[in-house]
Amino acid sequence: MFYVPDGTTKCGYYECEKCGTRFLDLSNDEYIECIDCGFEPDLEIGPDEVMEDSRKTAKLISVIEGEEEVEKMDSLLSLAITGGDYNWI
């Protein structure tokens, strides 16, 4: 699968409030770091500056349970990225 490992039976369905990306993740926390824009470190910080913390901008929409349901949702979300098989829809 694209977002979660094969055989996953429970995962979180998230949407980033900043960039709008929707994705699956193994965690079920209310907010997590976005896979696209969550942590963009400034690599040119000076010696007296502090590295910025990660931004938790992806909000949990729902929890997907059941191996078949997780596989269907993963396939659906990855269609635009991978051009995967959409015959099951």
C-alpha atoms as a PDB file:
ATOM      1  CA  MET A   1       0.000   0.000   0.000  1.00  0.00           C
ATOM      2  CA  PHE A   2       1.053   3.608  -0.411  1.00  0.00           C
ATOM      3  CA  TYR A   3       0.459   5.339   2.964  1.00  0.00           C
ATOM      4  CA  VAL A   4       0.398   2.462   5.469  1.00  0.00           C
ATOM      5  CA  PRO A   5       1.988  -1.024   5.497  1.00  0.00           C
ATOM      6  CA  ASP A   6       0.137  -4.051   4.120  1.00  0.00           C
ATOM      7  CA  GLY A   7      -2.038  -5.756   6.710  1.00  0.00           C
ATOM      8  CA  THR A   8      -2.847  -2.572   8.657  1.00  0.00           C
ATOM      9  CA  THR A   9      -6.190  -2.958  10.428  1.00  0.00           C
ATOM     10  CA  LYS A  10      -6.559   0.501  12.006  1.00  0.00           C
ATOM     11  CA  CYS A  11      -5.288   3.922  10.961  1.00  0.00           C
ATOM     12  CA  GLY A  12      -6.150   7.606  11.074  1.00  0.00           C
ATOM     13  CA  TYR A  13      -7.444   9.603   8.104  1.00  0.00           C
ATOM     14  CA  TYR A  14      -6.009  13.129   8.240  1.00  0.00           C
ATOM     15  CA  GLU A  15      -6.337  16.447   6.422  1.00  0.00           C
ATOM     16  CA  CYS A  16      -3.779  19.224   6.729  1.00  0.00           C
ATOM     17  CA  GLU A  17      -5.327  22.576   7.632  1.00  0.00           C
ATOM     18  CA  LYS A  18      -2.441  24.422   5.967  1.00  0.00           C
ATOM     19  CA  CYS A  19      -2.030  22.733   2.547  1.00  0.00           C
ATOM     20  CA  GLY A  20      -5.179  20.561   2.294  1.00  0.00           C
ATOM     21  CA  THR A  21      -3.328  17.269   1.786  1.00  0.00           C
ATOM     22  CA  ARG A  22      -5.304  14.189   2.845  1.00  0.00           C
ATOM     23  CA  PHE A  23      -3.458  11.071   3.920  1.00  0.00           C
ATOM     24  CA  LEU A  24      -3.484   7.996   6.163  1.00  0.00           C
ATOM     25  CA  ASP A  25      -1.204   7.495   9.153  1.00  0.00           C
ATOM     26  CA  LEU A  26      -0.765   4.720  11.710  1.00  0.00           C
ATOM     27  CA  SER A  27      -1.355   7.116  14.608  1.00  0.00           C
ATOM     28  CA  ASN A  28      -4.770   8.136  15.909  1.00  0.00           C
ATOM     29  CA  ASP A  29      -3.787  11.431  17.554  1.00  0.00           C
ATOM     30  CA  GLU A  30      -6.037  14.486  17.174  1.00  0.00           C
ATOM     31  CA  TYR A  31      -3.282  16.468  15.400  1.00  0.00           C
ATOM     32  CA  ILE A  32      -0.073  15.225  13.756  1.00  0.00           C
ATOM     33  CA  GLU A  33       2.649  16.619  11.526  1.00  0.00           C
ATOM     34  CA  CYS A  34       1.655  16.876   7.838  1.00  0.00           C
ATOM     35  CA  ILE A  35       3.617  14.635   5.479  1.00  0.00           C
ATOM     36  CA  ASP A  36       3.993  17.508   2.983  1.00  0.00           C
ATOM     37  CA  CYS A  37       4.416  20.705   4.982  1.00  0.00           C
ATOM     38  CA  GLY A  38       4.694  19.628   8.620  1.00  0.00           C
ATOM     39  CA  PHE A  39       8.376  20.230   9.185  1.00  0.00           C
ATOM     40  CA  GLU A  40      10.335  22.510   6.903  1.00  0.00           C
ATOM     41  CA  PRO A  41      13.448  23.348   8.915  1.00  0.00           C
ATOM     42  CA  ASP A  42      15.428  26.508   8.298  1.00  0.00           C
ATOM     43  CA  LEU A  43      18.895  25.114   7.650  1.00  0.00           C
ATOM     44  CA  GLU A  44      20.503  28.550   7.772  1.00  0.00           C
ATOM     45  CA  ILE A  45      20.010  29.390  11.444  1.00  0.00           C
ATOM     46  CA  GLY A  46      22.667  31.231  13.382  1.00  0.00           C
ATOM     47  CA  PRO A  47      24.405  30.131  16.580  1.00  0.00           C
ATOM     48  CA  ASP A  48      22.107  32.243  18.774  1.00  0.00           C
ATOM     49  CA  GLU A  49      18.857  31.122  17.093  1.00  0.00           C
ATOM     50  CA  VAL A  50      16.683  28.198  18.139  1.00  0.00           C
ATOM     51  CA  MET A  51      15.539  25.528  15.680  1.00  0.00           C
ATOM     52  CA  GLU A  52      11.789  25.721  15.189  1.00  0.00           C
ATOM     53  CA  ASP A  53       9.548  22.928  16.532  1.00  0.00           C
ATOM     54  CA  SER A  54       7.538  20.772  14.153  1.00  0.00           C
ATOM     55  CA  ARG A  55       4.089  22.028  13.189  1.00  0.00           C
ATOM     56  CA  LYS A  56       1.168  19.718  13.870  1.00  0.00           C
ATOM     57  CA  THR A  57      -1.299  20.946  11.243  1.00  0.00           C
ATOM     58  CA  ALA A  58      -2.971  17.712  10.109  1.00  0.00           C
ATOM     59  CA  LYS A  59      -6.284  17.103  11.876  1.00  0.00           C
ATOM     60  CA  LEU A  60      -7.833  13.660  12.362  1.00  0.00           C
ATOM     61  CA  ILE A  61     -10.977  13.338  10.244  1.00  0.00           C
ATOM     62  CA  SER A  62     -11.829   9.754  11.129  1.00  0.00           C
ATOM     63  CA  VAL A  63     -10.418   6.416  12.203  1.00  0.00           C
ATOM     64  CA  ILE A  64     -10.513   3.705   9.539  1.00  0.00           C
ATOM     65  CA  GLU A  65     -10.887   0.161  10.904  1.00  0.00           C
ATOM     66  CA  GLY A  66     -10.730  -3.195   9.179  1.00  0.00           C
ATOM     67  CA  GLU A  67      -8.023  -4.419   6.816  1.00  0.00           C
ATOM     68  CA  GLU A  68     -10.254  -4.236   3.740  1.00  0.00           C
ATOM     69  CA  GLU A  69     -11.481  -0.706   4.540  1.00  0.00           C
ATOM     70  CA  VAL A  70      -7.925   0.524   5.149  1.00  0.00           C
ATOM     71  CA  GLU A  71      -6.789  -0.987   1.852  1.00  0.00           C
ATOM     72  CA  LYS A  72      -9.670   0.644  -0.059  1.00  0.00           C
ATOM     73  CA  MET A  73      -9.036   4.071   1.483  1.00  0.00           C
ATOM     74  CA  ASP A  74      -5.292   3.809   0.828  1.00  0.00           C
ATOM     75  CA  SER A  75      -5.947   2.915  -2.811  1.00  0.00           C
ATOM     76  CA  LEU A  76      -8.414   5.760  -3.228  1.00  0.00           C
ATOM     77  CA  LEU A  77      -6.104   8.387  -1.737  1.00  0.00           C
ATOM     78  CA  SER A  78      -3.101   7.194  -3.730  1.00  0.00           C
ATOM     79  CA  LEU A  79      -4.857   7.186  -7.148  1.00  0.00           C
ATOM     80  CA  ALA A  80      -3.835  10.747  -8.042  1.00  0.00           C
ATOM     81  CA  ILE A  81      -0.236  10.152  -7.001  1.00  0.00           C
ATOM     82  CA  THR A  82       0.404   6.648  -8.334  1.00  0.00           C
ATOM     83  CA  GLY A  83      -2.159   6.228 -11.079  1.00  0.00           C
ATOM     84  CA  GLY A  84      -3.119   2.969  -9.357  1.00  0.00           C
ATOM     85  CA  ASP A  85      -5.810   0.427 -10.132  1.00  0.00           C
ATOM     86  CA  TYR A  86      -9.284   1.905  -9.608  1.00  0.00           C
ATOM     87  CA  ASN A  87     -11.381  -1.089 -10.739  1.00  0.00           C
ATOM     88  CA  TRP A  88     -12.649  -1.769  -7.192  1.00  0.00           C
ATOM     89  CA  ILE A  89     -14.540   1.569  -7.040  1.00  0.00           C
END
